[in-house]
Amino acid sequence: MATIAIEYAEAGQPDAALQVVPKINDASAQATTLMAIALVYSKAGQPDKASATFSQALQSYQGIQETSDKNRILQEMIDKSVKAGQYVQVFQIAQTIEDKFAKASALEQIATQAVESGQFDILSR
């Protein structure tokens, strides 16, 4: 189901993709799918829908039980958000990291990417 939802989103039909998401039973797959949909909304210039979908992705992320899956999904969410220039969202993701070293590492990665892309104002938030 996650593959179908992502295909809808990539085909420019993120609303249809969202209709498939409730049928995804795995929290990891649901979180990554919602993140992909949020990024499609963002690229399409629909920040409100992107933000709402991003929030759903974070909720799904919280439902992941396995630590290794949680860490992997978190890193994927950070990487995708940074590549899409979604620094506000990626800072929100980083704030969910419990391990202080991992959080510092993620924030450093985000700050570096923001500086490299000229997004200096985001660092003052």
PDB file of N, CA and C in Angstrom:
ATOM      1  N   MET A   1       0.806  -1.194   0.000  1.00  0.00           N
ATOM      2  CA  MET A   1       0.000   0.000   0.000  1.00  0.00           C
ATOM      3  C   MET A   1       0.854   1.265   0.000  1.00  0.00           C
ATOM      4  N   ALA A   2       1.979   1.216   0.705  1.00  0.00           N
ATOM      5  CA  ALA A   2       2.863   2.382   0.761  1.00  0.00           C
ATOM      6  C   ALA A   2       3.372   2.722  -0.634  1.00  0.00           C
ATOM      7  N   THR A   3       3.719   1.707  -1.403  1.00  0.00           N
ATOM      8  CA  THR A   3       4.210   1.930  -2.766  1.00  0.00           C
ATOM      9  C   THR A   3       3.143   2.592  -3.622  1.00  0.00           C
ATOM     10  N   ILE A   4       1.924   2.155  -3.477  1.00  0.00           N
ATOM     11  CA  ILE A   4       0.814   2.741  -4.250  1.00  0.00           C
ATOM     12  C   ILE A   4       0.632   4.210  -3.873  1.00  0.00           C
ATOM     13  N   ALA A   5       0.666   4.504  -2.582  1.00  0.00           N
ATOM     14  CA  ALA A   5       0.497   5.883  -2.126  1.00  0.00           C
ATOM     15  C   ALA A   5       1.622   6.771  -2.656  1.00  0.00           C
ATOM     16  N   ILE A   6       2.834   6.282  -2.608  1.00  0.00           N
ATOM     17  CA  ILE A   6       3.969   7.065  -3.097  1.00  0.00           C
ATOM     18  C   ILE A   6       3.870   7.277  -4.601  1.00  0.00           C
ATOM     19  N   GLU A   7       3.416   6.261  -5.325  1.00  0.00           N
ATOM     20  CA  GLU A   7       3.239   6.411  -6.773  1.00  0.00           C
ATOM     21  C   GLU A   7       2.187   7.473  -7.085  1.00  0.00           C
ATOM     22  N   TYR A   8       1.108   7.481  -6.338  1.00  0.00           N
ATOM     23  CA  TYR A   8       0.091   8.533  -6.505  1.00  0.00           C
ATOM     24  C   TYR A   8       0.718   9.910  -6.276  1.00  0.00           C
ATOM     25  N   ALA A   9       1.452  10.032  -5.177  1.00  0.00           N
ATOM     26  CA  ALA A   9       2.056  11.323  -4.833  1.00  0.00           C
ATOM     27  C   ALA A   9       3.025  11.776  -5.920  1.00  0.00           C
ATOM     28  N   GLU A  10       3.883  10.881  -6.368  1.00  0.00           N
ATOM     29  CA  GLU A  10       4.868  11.220  -7.394  1.00  0.00           C
ATOM     30  C   GLU A  10       4.224  11.528  -8.741  1.00  0.00           C
ATOM     31  N   ALA A  11       3.014  11.023  -8.942  1.00  0.00           N
ATOM     32  CA  ALA A  11       2.279  11.301 -10.181  1.00  0.00           C
ATOM     33  C   ALA A  11       1.496  12.605 -10.084  1.00  0.00           C
ATOM     34  N   GLY A  12       1.714  13.335  -8.989  1.00  0.00           N
ATOM     35  CA  GLY A  12       1.032  14.615  -8.827  1.00  0.00           C
ATOM     36  C   GLY A  12      -0.356  14.510  -8.228  1.00  0.00           C
ATOM     37  N   GLN A  13      -0.635  13.401  -7.552  1.00  0.00           N
ATOM     38  CA  GLN A  13      -1.930  13.189  -6.924  1.00  0.00           C
ATOM     39  C   GLN A  13      -1.777  12.922  -5.428  1.00  0.00           C
ATOM     40  N   PRO A  14      -1.237  13.901  -4.694  1.00  0.00           N
ATOM     41  CA  PRO A  14      -1.018  13.657  -3.266  1.00  0.00           C
ATOM     42  C   PRO A  14      -2.311  13.473  -2.470  1.00  0.00           C
ATOM     43  N   ASP A  15      -3.415  14.093  -2.919  1.00  0.00           N
ATOM     44  CA  ASP A  15      -4.683  13.891  -2.208  1.00  0.00           C
ATOM     45  C   ASP A  15      -5.125  12.430  -2.299  1.00  0.00           C
ATOM     46  N   ALA A  16      -4.954  11.845  -3.467  1.00  0.00           N
ATOM     47  CA  ALA A  16      -5.285  10.424  -3.640  1.00  0.00           C
ATOM     48  C   ALA A  16      -4.347   9.557  -2.807  1.00  0.00           C
ATOM     49  N   ALA A  17      -3.091   9.967  -2.729  1.00  0.00           N
ATOM     50  CA  ALA A  17      -2.117   9.216  -1.930  1.00  0.00           C
ATOM     51  C   ALA A  17      -2.528   9.191  -0.458  1.00  0.00           C
ATOM     52  N   LEU A  18      -3.020  10.318   0.030  1.00  0.00           N
ATOM     53  CA  LEU A  18      -3.449  10.384   1.432  1.00  0.00           C
ATOM     54  C   LEU A  18      -4.608   9.436   1.727  1.00  0.00           C
ATOM     55  N   GLN A  19      -5.428   9.175   0.726  1.00  0.00           N
ATOM     56  CA  GLN A  19      -6.562   8.266   0.914  1.00  0.00           C
ATOM     57  C   GLN A  19      -6.092   6.834   1.144  1.00  0.00           C
ATOM     58  N   VAL A  20      -4.908   6.507   0.649  1.00  0.00           N
ATOM     59  CA  VAL A  20      -4.368   5.149   0.779  1.00  0.00           C
ATOM     60  C   VAL A  20      -3.665   4.958   2.129  1.00  0.00           C
ATOM     61  N   VAL A  21      -3.141   6.016   2.694  1.00  0.00           N
ATOM     62  CA  VAL A  21      -2.320   5.930   3.907  1.00  0.00           C
ATOM     63  C   VAL A  21      -2.988   5.174   5.060  1.00  0.00           C
ATOM     64  N   PRO A  22      -4.275   5.387   5.359  1.00  0.00           N
ATOM     65  CA  PRO A  22      -4.874   4.646   6.479  1.00  0.00           C
ATOM     66  C   PRO A  22      -4.849   3.123   6.306  1.00  0.00           C
ATOM     67  N   LYS A  23      -4.654   2.671   5.081  1.00  0.00           N
ATOM     68  CA  LYS A  23      -4.611   1.227   4.825  1.00  0.00           C
ATOM     69  C   LYS A  23      -3.225   0.638   5.066  1.00  0.00           C
ATOM     70  N   ILE A  24      -2.245   1.506   5.351  1.00  0.00           N
ATOM     71  CA  ILE A  24      -0.877   1.050   5.635  1.00  0.00           C
ATOM     72  C   ILE A  24      -0.801   0.699   7.112  1.00  0.00           C
ATOM     73  N   ASN A  25      -0.536  -0.558   7.413  1.00  0.00           N
ATOM     74  CA  ASN A  25      -0.564  -1.035   8.793  1.00  0.00           C
ATOM     75  C   ASN A  25       0.749  -0.863   9.546  1.00  0.00           C
ATOM     76  N   ASP A  26       1.833  -0.674   8.836  1.00  0.00           N
ATOM     77  CA  ASP A  26       3.152  -0.568   9.455  1.00  0.00           C
ATOM     78  C   ASP A  26       3.487   0.903   9.721  1.00  0.00           C
ATOM     79  N   ALA A  27       3.813   1.239  10.969  1.00  0.00           N
ATOM     80  CA  ALA A  27       4.091   2.632  11.339  1.00  0.00           C
ATOM     81  C   ALA A  27       5.291   3.192  10.585  1.00  0.00           C
ATOM     82  N   SER A  28       6.314   2.385  10.362  1.00  0.00           N
ATOM     83  CA  SER A  28       7.493   2.848   9.626  1.00  0.00           C
ATOM     84  C   SER A  28       7.126   3.211   8.198  1.00  0.00           C
ATOM     85  N   ALA A  29       6.396   2.329   7.536  1.00  0.00           N
ATOM     86  CA  ALA A  29       5.981   2.589   6.152  1.00  0.00           C
ATOM     87  C   ALA A  29       5.036   3.777   6.089  1.00  0.00           C
ATOM     88  N   GLN A  30       4.178   3.886   7.075  1.00  0.00           N
ATOM     89  CA  GLN A  30       3.238   5.004   7.100  1.00  0.00           C
ATOM     90  C   GLN A  30       3.980   6.334   7.270  1.00  0.00           C
ATOM     91  N   ALA A  31       4.954   6.370   8.159  1.00  0.00           N
ATOM     92  CA  ALA A  31       5.721   7.601   8.394  1.00  0.00           C
ATOM     93  C   ALA A  31       6.487   8.027   7.142  1.00  0.00           C
ATOM     94  N   THR A  32       7.166   7.087   6.498  1.00  0.00           N
ATOM     95  CA  THR A  32       7.940   7.454   5.303  1.00  0.00           C
ATOM     96  C   THR A  32       7.024   7.847   4.149  1.00  0.00           C
ATOM     97  N   THR A  33       5.886   7.202   4.049  1.00  0.00           N
ATOM     98  CA  THR A  33       4.926   7.540   2.993  1.00  0.00           C
ATOM     99  C   THR A  33       4.361   8.943   3.213  1.00  0.00           C
ATOM    100  N   LEU A  34       3.974   9.231   4.434  1.00  0.00           N
ATOM    101  CA  LEU A  34       3.447  10.560   4.745  1.00  0.00           C
ATOM    102  C   LEU A  34       4.499  11.645   4.514  1.00  0.00           C
ATOM    103  N   MET A  35       5.740  11.332   4.823  1.00  0.00           N
ATOM    104  CA  MET A  35       6.814  12.293   4.585  1.00  0.00           C
ATOM    105  C   MET A  35       6.967  12.560   3.094  1.00  0.00           C
ATOM    106  N   ALA A  36       6.905  11.510   2.294  1.00  0.00           N
ATOM    107  CA  ALA A  36       7.007  11.675   0.844  1.00  0.00           C
ATOM    108  C   ALA A  36       5.858  12.535   0.311  1.00  0.00           C
ATOM    109  N   ILE A  37       4.671  12.306   0.827  1.00  0.00           N
ATOM    110  CA  ILE A  37       3.499  13.089   0.403  1.00  0.00           C
ATOM    111  C   ILE A  37       3.654  14.546   0.836  1.00  0.00           C
ATOM    112  N   ALA A  38       4.131  14.768   2.054  1.00  0.00           N
ATOM    113  CA  ALA A  38       4.338  16.133   2.547  1.00  0.00           C
ATOM    114  C   ALA A  38       5.316  16.892   1.655  1.00  0.00           C
ATOM    115  N   LEU A  39       6.360  16.218   1.217  1.00  0.00           N
ATOM    116  CA  LEU A  39       7.345  16.868   0.352  1.00  0.00           C
ATOM    117  C   LEU A  39       6.760  17.184  -1.018  1.00  0.00           C
ATOM    118  N   VAL A  40       5.866  16.340  -1.515  1.00  0.00           N
ATOM    119  CA  VAL A  40       5.186  16.629  -2.779  1.00  0.00           C
ATOM    120  C   VAL A  40       4.322  17.884  -2.631  1.00  0.00           C
ATOM    121  N   TYR A  41       3.590  17.956  -1.539  1.00  0.00           N
ATOM    122  CA  TYR A  41       2.779  19.151  -1.280  1.00  0.00           C
ATOM    123  C   TYR A  41       3.672  20.394  -1.212  1.00  0.00           C
ATOM    124  N   SER A  42       4.782  20.262  -0.534  1.00  0.00           N
ATOM    125  CA  SER A  42       5.691  21.394  -0.383  1.00  0.00           C
ATOM    126  C   SER A  42       6.214  21.863  -1.739  1.00  0.00           C
ATOM    127  N   LYS A  43       6.654  20.926  -2.556  1.00  0.00           N
ATOM    128  CA  LYS A  43       7.173  21.265  -3.886  1.00  0.00           C
ATOM    129  C   LYS A  43       6.084  21.854  -4.780  1.00  0.00           C
ATOM    130  N   ALA A  44       4.837  21.493  -4.513  1.00  0.00           N
ATOM    131  CA  ALA A  44       3.714  21.986  -5.315  1.00  0.00           C
ATOM    132  C   ALA A  44       3.213  23.347  -4.815  1.00  0.00           C
ATOM    133  N   GLY A  45       3.886  23.900  -3.806  1.00  0.00           N
ATOM    134  CA  GLY A  45       3.491  25.208  -3.300  1.00  0.00           C
ATOM    135  C   GLY A  45       2.244  25.188  -2.449  1.00  0.00           C
ATOM    136  N   GLN A  46       2.034  24.081  -1.728  1.00  0.00           N
ATOM    137  CA  GLN A  46       0.882  23.946  -0.843  1.00  0.00           C
ATOM    138  C   GLN A  46       1.387  23.764   0.594  1.00  0.00           C
ATOM    139  N   PRO A  47       1.898  24.842   1.195  1.00  0.00           N
ATOM    140  CA  PRO A  47       2.531  24.715   2.511  1.00  0.00           C
ATOM    141  C   PRO A  47       1.601  24.252   3.626  1.00  0.00           C
ATOM    142  N   ASP A  48       0.323  24.622   3.576  1.00  0.00           N
ATOM    143  CA  ASP A  48      -0.598  24.191   4.630  1.00  0.00           C
ATOM    144  C   ASP A  48      -0.800  22.680   4.603  1.00  0.00           C
ATOM    145  N   LYS A  49      -1.008  22.143   3.401  1.00  0.00           N
ATOM    146  CA  LYS A  49      -1.180  20.691   3.280  1.00  0.00           C
ATOM    147  C   LYS A  49       0.132  19.974   3.604  1.00  0.00           C
ATOM    148  N   ALA A  50       1.257  20.578   3.211  1.00  0.00           N
ATOM    149  CA  ALA A  50       2.557  19.981   3.524  1.00  0.00           C
ATOM    150  C   ALA A  50       2.753  19.898   5.033  1.00  0.00           C
ATOM    151  N   SER A  51       2.439  20.979   5.721  1.00  0.00           N
ATOM    152  CA  SER A  51       2.609  21.019   7.169  1.00  0.00           C
ATOM    153  C   SER A  51       1.697  20.011   7.879  1.00  0.00           C
ATOM    154  N   ALA A  52       0.447  19.934   7.445  1.00  0.00           N
ATOM    155  CA  ALA A  52      -0.501  18.988   8.054  1.00  0.00           C
ATOM    156  C   ALA A  52      -0.046  17.548   7.837  1.00  0.00           C
ATOM    157  N   THR A  53       0.417  17.264   6.634  1.00  0.00           N
ATOM    158  CA  THR A  53       0.866  15.901   6.317  1.00  0.00           C
ATOM    159  C   THR A  53       2.152  15.589   7.051  1.00  0.00           C
ATOM    160  N   PHE A  54       3.015  16.581   7.165  1.00  0.00           N
ATOM    161  CA  PHE A  54       4.247  16.420   7.928  1.00  0.00           C
ATOM    162  C   PHE A  54       3.933  16.074   9.386  1.00  0.00           C
ATOM    163  N   SER A  55       2.951  16.750   9.961  1.00  0.00           N
ATOM    164  CA  SER A  55       2.546  16.460  11.345  1.00  0.00           C
ATOM    165  C   SER A  55       2.049  15.026  11.479  1.00  0.00           C
ATOM    166  N   GLN A  56       1.317  14.553  10.478  1.00  0.00           N
ATOM    167  CA  GLN A  56       0.856  13.156  10.490  1.00  0.00           C
ATOM    168  C   GLN A  56       2.051  12.200  10.417  1.00  0.00           C
ATOM    169  N   ALA A  57       3.065  12.577   9.642  1.00  0.00           N
ATOM    170  CA  ALA A  57       4.261  11.732   9.536  1.00  0.00           C
ATOM    171  C   ALA A  57       4.953  11.624  10.895  1.00  0.00           C
ATOM    172  N   LEU A  58       5.037  12.737  11.608  1.00  0.00           N
ATOM    173  CA  LEU A  58       5.650  12.704  12.940  1.00  0.00           C
ATOM    174  C   LEU A  58       4.848  11.846  13.907  1.00  0.00           C
ATOM    175  N   GLN A  59       3.511  11.904  13.803  1.00  0.00           N
ATOM    176  CA  GLN A  59       2.671  11.058  14.659  1.00  0.00           C
ATOM    177  C   GLN A  59       2.912   9.586  14.358  1.00  0.00           C
ATOM    178  N   SER A  60       2.988   9.250  13.088  1.00  0.00           N
ATOM    179  CA  SER A  60       3.263   7.855  12.712  1.00  0.00           C
ATOM    180  C   SER A  60       4.638   7.433  13.200  1.00  0.00           C
ATOM    181  N   TYR A  61       5.596   8.343  13.089  1.00  0.00           N
ATOM    182  CA  TYR A  61       6.955   8.061  13.555  1.00  0.00           C
ATOM    183  C   TYR A  61       6.946   7.697  15.041  1.00  0.00           C
ATOM    184  N   GLN A  62       6.150   8.412  15.817  1.00  0.00           N
ATOM    185  CA  GLN A  62       6.079   8.139  17.253  1.00  0.00           C
ATOM    186  C   GLN A  62       5.542   6.735  17.545  1.00  0.00           C
ATOM    187  N   GLY A  63       4.805   6.161  16.601  1.00  0.00           N
ATOM    188  CA  GLY A  63       4.244   4.832  16.783  1.00  0.00           C
ATOM    189  C   GLY A  63       5.193   3.693  16.456  1.00  0.00           C
ATOM    190  N   ILE A  64       6.385   4.020  15.963  1.00  0.00           N
ATOM    191  CA  ILE A  64       7.368   2.978  15.633  1.00  0.00           C
ATOM    192  C   ILE A  64       7.946   2.437  16.936  1.00  0.00           C
ATOM    193  N   GLN A  65       7.904   1.131  17.096  1.00  0.00           N
ATOM    194  CA  GLN A  65       8.349   0.502  18.336  1.00  0.00           C
ATOM    195  C   GLN A  65       9.833   0.139  18.331  1.00  0.00           C
ATOM    196  N   GLU A  66      10.309  -0.383  17.239  1.00  0.00           N
ATOM    197  CA  GLU A  66      11.682  -0.876  17.133  1.00  0.00           C
ATOM    198  C   GLU A  66      12.670   0.287  17.047  1.00  0.00           C
ATOM    199  N   THR A  67      13.645   0.327  17.950  1.00  0.00           N
ATOM    200  CA  THR A  67      14.606   1.428  18.010  1.00  0.00           C
ATOM    201  C   THR A  67      15.390   1.575  16.716  1.00  0.00           C
ATOM    202  N   SER A  68      15.852   0.466  16.151  1.00  0.00           N
ATOM    203  CA  SER A  68      16.637   0.562  14.915  1.00  0.00           C
ATOM    204  C   SER A  68      15.788   1.122  13.775  1.00  0.00           C
ATOM    205  N   ASP A  69      14.524   0.700  13.691  1.00  0.00           N
ATOM    206  CA  ASP A  69      13.622   1.247  12.673  1.00  0.00           C
ATOM    207  C   ASP A  69      13.383   2.734  12.915  1.00  0.00           C
ATOM    208  N   LYS A  70      13.200   3.081  14.167  1.00  0.00           N
ATOM    209  CA  LYS A  70      12.927   4.472  14.521  1.00  0.00           C
ATOM    210  C   LYS A  70      14.096   5.371  14.104  1.00  0.00           C
ATOM    211  N   ASN A  71      15.316   4.929  14.392  1.00  0.00           N
ATOM    212  CA  ASN A  71      16.499   5.712  14.030  1.00  0.00           C
ATOM    213  C   ASN A  71      16.649   5.828  12.519  1.00  0.00           C
ATOM    214  N   ARG A  72      16.405   4.740  11.804  1.00  0.00           N
ATOM    215  CA  ARG A  72      16.526   4.736  10.350  1.00  0.00           C
ATOM    216  C   ARG A  72      15.490   5.659   9.716  1.00  0.00           C
ATOM    217  N   ILE A  73      14.263   5.562  10.167  1.00  0.00           N
ATOM    218  CA  ILE A  73      13.183   6.394   9.628  1.00  0.00           C
ATOM    219  C   ILE A  73      13.450   7.864   9.946  1.00  0.00           C
ATOM    220  N   LEU A  74      13.907   8.131  11.144  1.00  0.00           N
ATOM    221  CA  LEU A  74      14.211   9.511  11.526  1.00  0.00           C
ATOM    222  C   LEU A  74      15.273  10.099  10.600  1.00  0.00           C
ATOM    223  N   GLN A  75      16.317   9.334  10.334  1.00  0.00           N
ATOM    224  CA  GLN A  75      17.374   9.823   9.452  1.00  0.00           C
ATOM    225  C   GLN A  75      16.847  10.051   8.033  1.00  0.00           C
ATOM    226  N   GLU A  76      15.986   9.157   7.561  1.00  0.00           N
ATOM    227  CA  GLU A  76      15.375   9.336   6.233  1.00  0.00           C
ATOM    228  C   GLU A  76      14.546  10.617   6.194  1.00  0.00           C
ATOM    229  N   MET A  77      13.774  10.853   7.246  1.00  0.00           N
ATOM    230  CA  MET A  77      12.935  12.047   7.297  1.00  0.00           C
ATOM    231  C   MET A  77      13.788  13.308   7.295  1.00  0.00           C
ATOM    232  N   ILE A  78      14.877  13.285   8.038  1.00  0.00           N
ATOM    233  CA  ILE A  78      15.778  14.438   8.075  1.00  0.00           C
ATOM    234  C   ILE A  78      16.402  14.655   6.701  1.00  0.00           C
ATOM    235  N   ASP A  79      16.941  13.592   6.106  1.00  0.00           N
ATOM    236  CA  ASP A  79      17.586  13.705   4.796  1.00  0.00           C
ATOM    237  C   ASP A  79      16.639  14.260   3.737  1.00  0.00           C
ATOM    238  N   LYS A  80      15.434  13.728   3.677  1.00  0.00           N
ATOM    239  CA  LYS A  80      14.460  14.167   2.672  1.00  0.00           C
ATOM    240  C   LYS A  80      14.043  15.620   2.909  1.00  0.00           C
ATOM    241  N   SER A  81      13.854  15.980   4.156  1.00  0.00           N
ATOM    242  CA  SER A  81      13.444  17.352   4.473  1.00  0.00           C
ATOM    243  C   SER A  81      14.536  18.350   4.129  1.00  0.00           C
ATOM    244  N   VAL A  82      15.779  18.003   4.449  1.00  0.00           N
ATOM    245  CA  VAL A  82      16.896  18.891   4.146  1.00  0.00           C
ATOM    246  C   VAL A  82      17.030  19.063   2.636  1.00  0.00           C
ATOM    247  N   LYS A  83      16.952  17.960   1.894  1.00  0.00           N
ATOM    248  CA  LYS A  83      17.072  18.032   0.430  1.00  0.00           C
ATOM    249  C   LYS A  83      15.969  18.877  -0.184  1.00  0.00           C
ATOM    250  N   ALA A  84      14.802  18.873   0.446  1.00  0.00           N
ATOM    251  CA  ALA A  84      13.676  19.653  -0.072  1.00  0.00           C
ATOM    252  C   ALA A  84      13.683  21.085   0.461  1.00  0.00           C
ATOM    253  N   GLY A  85      14.660  21.403   1.323  1.00  0.00           N
ATOM    254  CA  GLY A  85      14.738  22.754   1.864  1.00  0.00           C
ATOM    255  C   GLY A  85      13.690  23.038   2.921  1.00  0.00           C
ATOM    256  N   GLN A  86      13.153  22.007   3.532  1.00  0.00           N
ATOM    257  CA  GLN A  86      12.119  22.155   4.557  1.00  0.00           C
ATOM    258  C   GLN A  86      12.767  22.216   5.939  1.00  0.00           C
ATOM    259  N   TYR A  87      13.466  23.329   6.182  1.00  0.00           N
ATOM    260  CA  TYR A  87      14.264  23.434   7.400  1.00  0.00           C
ATOM    261  C   TYR A  87      13.425  23.553   8.668  1.00  0.00           C
ATOM    262  N   VAL A  88      12.296  24.223   8.602  1.00  0.00           N
ATOM    263  CA  VAL A  88      11.446  24.337   9.788  1.00  0.00           C
ATOM    264  C   VAL A  88      10.991  22.945  10.218  1.00  0.00           C
ATOM    265  N   GLN A  89      10.530  22.151   9.246  1.00  0.00           N
ATOM    266  CA  GLN A  89      10.071  20.801   9.556  1.00  0.00           C
ATOM    267  C   GLN A  89      11.210  19.924  10.073  1.00  0.00           C
ATOM    268  N   VAL A  90      12.360  20.057   9.451  1.00  0.00           N
ATOM    269  CA  VAL A  90      13.468  19.196   9.843  1.00  0.00           C
ATOM    270  C   VAL A  90      13.959  19.550  11.253  1.00  0.00           C
ATOM    271  N   PHE A  91      13.890  20.823  11.625  1.00  0.00           N
ATOM    272  CA  PHE A  91      14.216  21.185  13.003  1.00  0.00           C
ATOM    273  C   PHE A  91      13.218  20.545  13.964  1.00  0.00           C
ATOM    274  N   GLN A  92      11.947  20.475  13.582  1.00  0.00           N
ATOM    275  CA  GLN A  92      10.936  19.823  14.422  1.00  0.00           C
ATOM    276  C   GLN A  92      11.256  18.343  14.576  1.00  0.00           C
ATOM    277  N   ILE A  93      11.670  17.723  13.492  1.00  0.00           N
ATOM    278  CA  ILE A  93      12.041  16.304  13.558  1.00  0.00           C
ATOM    279  C   ILE A  93      13.206  16.133  14.524  1.00  0.00           C
ATOM    280  N   ALA A  94      14.222  16.964  14.368  1.00  0.00           N
ATOM    281  CA  ALA A  94      15.420  16.838  15.207  1.00  0.00           C
ATOM    282  C   ALA A  94      15.088  16.987  16.689  1.00  0.00           C
ATOM    283  N   GLN A  95      14.101  17.788  17.003  1.00  0.00           N
ATOM    284  CA  GLN A  95      13.729  17.978  18.403  1.00  0.00           C
ATOM    285  C   GLN A  95      13.154  16.710  19.030  1.00  0.00           C
ATOM    286  N   THR A  96      12.724  15.748  18.214  1.00  0.00           N
ATOM    287  CA  THR A  96      12.174  14.505  18.752  1.00  0.00           C
ATOM    288  C   THR A  96      13.254  13.495  19.118  1.00  0.00           C
ATOM    289  N   ILE A  97      14.497  13.780  18.766  1.00  0.00           N
ATOM    290  CA  ILE A  97      15.601  12.856  19.050  1.00  0.00           C
ATOM    291  C   ILE A  97      15.913  12.900  20.540  1.00  0.00           C
ATOM    292  N   GLU A  98      15.883  11.763  21.160  1.00  0.00           N
ATOM    293  CA  GLU A  98      16.098  11.694  22.607  1.00  0.00           C
ATOM    294  C   GLU A  98      17.576  11.676  22.982  1.00  0.00           C
ATOM    295  N   ASP A  99      18.383  10.973  22.211  1.00  0.00           N
ATOM    296  CA  ASP A  99      19.814  10.885  22.482  1.00  0.00           C
ATOM    297  C   ASP A  99      20.471  12.231  22.190  1.00  0.00           C
ATOM    298  N   LYS A 100      21.142  12.812  23.173  1.00  0.00           N
ATOM    299  CA  LYS A 100      21.708  14.156  23.032  1.00  0.00           C
ATOM    300  C   LYS A 100      22.789  14.217  21.952  1.00  0.00           C
ATOM    301  N   PHE A 101      23.622  13.180  21.849  1.00  0.00           N
ATOM    302  CA  PHE A 101      24.664  13.169  20.829  1.00  0.00           C
ATOM    303  C   PHE A 101      24.047  13.092  19.438  1.00  0.00           C
ATOM    304  N   ALA A 102      23.066  12.223  19.277  1.00  0.00           N
ATOM    305  CA  ALA A 102      22.399  12.085  17.975  1.00  0.00           C
ATOM    306  C   ALA A 102      21.677  13.374  17.601  1.00  0.00           C
ATOM    307  N   LYS A 103      21.065  14.024  18.590  1.00  0.00           N
ATOM    308  CA  LYS A 103      20.368  15.287  18.332  1.00  0.00           C
ATOM    309  C   LYS A 103      21.355  16.350  17.872  1.00  0.00           C
ATOM    310  N   ALA A 104      22.495  16.443  18.578  1.00  0.00           N
ATOM    311  CA  ALA A 104      23.512  17.429  18.202  1.00  0.00           C
ATOM    312  C   ALA A 104      24.033  17.162  16.790  1.00  0.00           C
ATOM    313  N   SER A 105      24.234  15.912  16.473  1.00  0.00           N
ATOM    314  CA  SER A 105      24.714  15.543  15.137  1.00  0.00           C
ATOM    315  C   SER A 105      23.701  15.926  14.060  1.00  0.00           C
ATOM    316  N   ALA A 106      22.425  15.645  14.316  1.00  0.00           N
ATOM    317  CA  ALA A 106      21.375  15.981  13.353  1.00  0.00           C
ATOM    318  C   ALA A 106      21.264  17.488  13.174  1.00  0.00           C
ATOM    319  N   LEU A 107      21.321  18.228  14.273  1.00  0.00           N
ATOM    320  CA  LEU A 107      21.229  19.689  14.190  1.00  0.00           C
ATOM    321  C   LEU A 107      22.427  20.280  13.450  1.00  0.00           C
ATOM    322  N   GLU A 108      23.595  19.678  13.642  1.00  0.00           N
ATOM    323  CA  GLU A 108      24.782  20.131  12.906  1.00  0.00           C
ATOM    324  C   GLU A 108      24.599  19.901  11.408  1.00  0.00           C
ATOM    325  N   GLN A 109      24.087  18.726  11.046  1.00  0.00           N
ATOM    326  CA  GLN A 109      23.835  18.405   9.639  1.00  0.00           C
ATOM    327  C   GLN A 109      22.844  19.396   9.029  1.00  0.00           C
ATOM    328  N   ILE A 110      21.797  19.701   9.752  1.00  0.00           N
ATOM    329  CA  ILE A 110      20.763  20.623   9.274  1.00  0.00           C
ATOM    330  C   ILE A 110      21.343  22.024   9.109  1.00  0.00           C
ATOM    331  N   ALA A 111      22.097  22.474  10.102  1.00  0.00           N
ATOM    332  CA  ALA A 111      22.684  23.815  10.049  1.00  0.00           C
ATOM    333  C   ALA A 111      23.661  23.934   8.877  1.00  0.00           C
ATOM    334  N   THR A 112      24.457  22.916   8.670  1.00  0.00           N
ATOM    335  CA  THR A 112      25.411  22.920   7.556  1.00  0.00           C
ATOM    336  C   THR A 112      24.689  23.031   6.224  1.00  0.00           C
ATOM    337  N   GLN A 113      23.641  22.238   6.058  1.00  0.00           N
ATOM    338  CA  GLN A 113      22.870  22.283   4.812  1.00  0.00           C
ATOM    339  C   GLN A 113      22.189  23.640   4.632  1.00  0.00           C
ATOM    340  N   ALA A 114      21.681  24.205   5.714  1.00  0.00           N
ATOM    341  CA  ALA A 114      21.015  25.509   5.636  1.00  0.00           C
ATOM    342  C   ALA A 114      22.010  26.579   5.191  1.00  0.00           C
ATOM    343  N   VAL A 115      23.215  26.558   5.764  1.00  0.00           N
ATOM    344  CA  VAL A 115      24.240  27.536   5.395  1.00  0.00           C
ATOM    345  C   VAL A 115      24.646  27.342   3.936  1.00  0.00           C
ATOM    346  N   GLU A 116      24.852  26.097   3.526  1.00  0.00           N
ATOM    347  CA  GLU A 116      25.263  25.822   2.144  1.00  0.00           C
ATOM    348  C   GLU A 116      24.222  26.274   1.129  1.00  0.00           C
ATOM    349  N   SER A 117      22.962  26.284   1.531  1.00  0.00           N
ATOM    350  CA  SER A 117      21.913  26.708   0.606  1.00  0.00           C
ATOM    351  C   SER A 117      21.522  28.172   0.799  1.00  0.00           C
ATOM    352  N   GLY A 118      22.262  28.867   1.674  1.00  0.00           N
ATOM    353  CA  GLY A 118      22.005  30.297   1.862  1.00  0.00           C
ATOM    354  C   GLY A 118      20.821  30.617   2.747  1.00  0.00           C
ATOM    355  N   GLN A 119      20.352  29.669   3.509  1.00  0.00           N
ATOM    356  CA  GLN A 119      19.190  29.856   4.393  1.00  0.00           C
ATOM    357  C   GLN A 119      19.649  30.271   5.793  1.00  0.00           C
ATOM    358  N   PHE A 120      20.340  31.393   5.882  1.00  0.00           N
ATOM    359  CA  PHE A 120      20.906  31.839   7.155  1.00  0.00           C
ATOM    360  C   PHE A 120      19.830  32.205   8.164  1.00  0.00           C
ATOM    361  N   ASP A 121      18.723  32.759   7.715  1.00  0.00           N
ATOM    362  CA  ASP A 121      17.674  33.207   8.630  1.00  0.00           C
ATOM    363  C   ASP A 121      17.050  32.063   9.415  1.00  0.00           C
ATOM    364  N   ILE A 122      17.057  30.882   8.848  1.00  0.00           N
ATOM    365  CA  ILE A 122      16.449  29.736   9.531  1.00  0.00           C
ATOM    366  C   ILE A 122      17.232  29.366  10.790  1.00  0.00           C
ATOM    367  N   LEU A 123      18.516  29.708  10.810  1.00  0.00           N
ATOM    368  CA  LEU A 123      19.359  29.346  11.938  1.00  0.00           C
ATOM    369  C   LEU A 123      19.093  30.204  13.162  1.00  0.00           C
ATOM    370  N   SER A 124      18.430  31.322  12.992  1.00  0.00           N
ATOM    371  CA  SER A 124      18.162  32.202  14.123  1.00  0.00           C
ATOM    372  C   SER A 124      16.852  31.868  14.826  1.00  0.00           C
ATOM    373  N   ARG A 125      16.143  30.870  14.362  1.00  0.00           N
ATOM    374  CA  ARG A 125      14.845  30.514  14.974  1.00  0.00           C
ATOM    375  C   ARG A 125      14.994  29.689  16.202  1.00  0.00           C
TER     376      ARG A 125
END
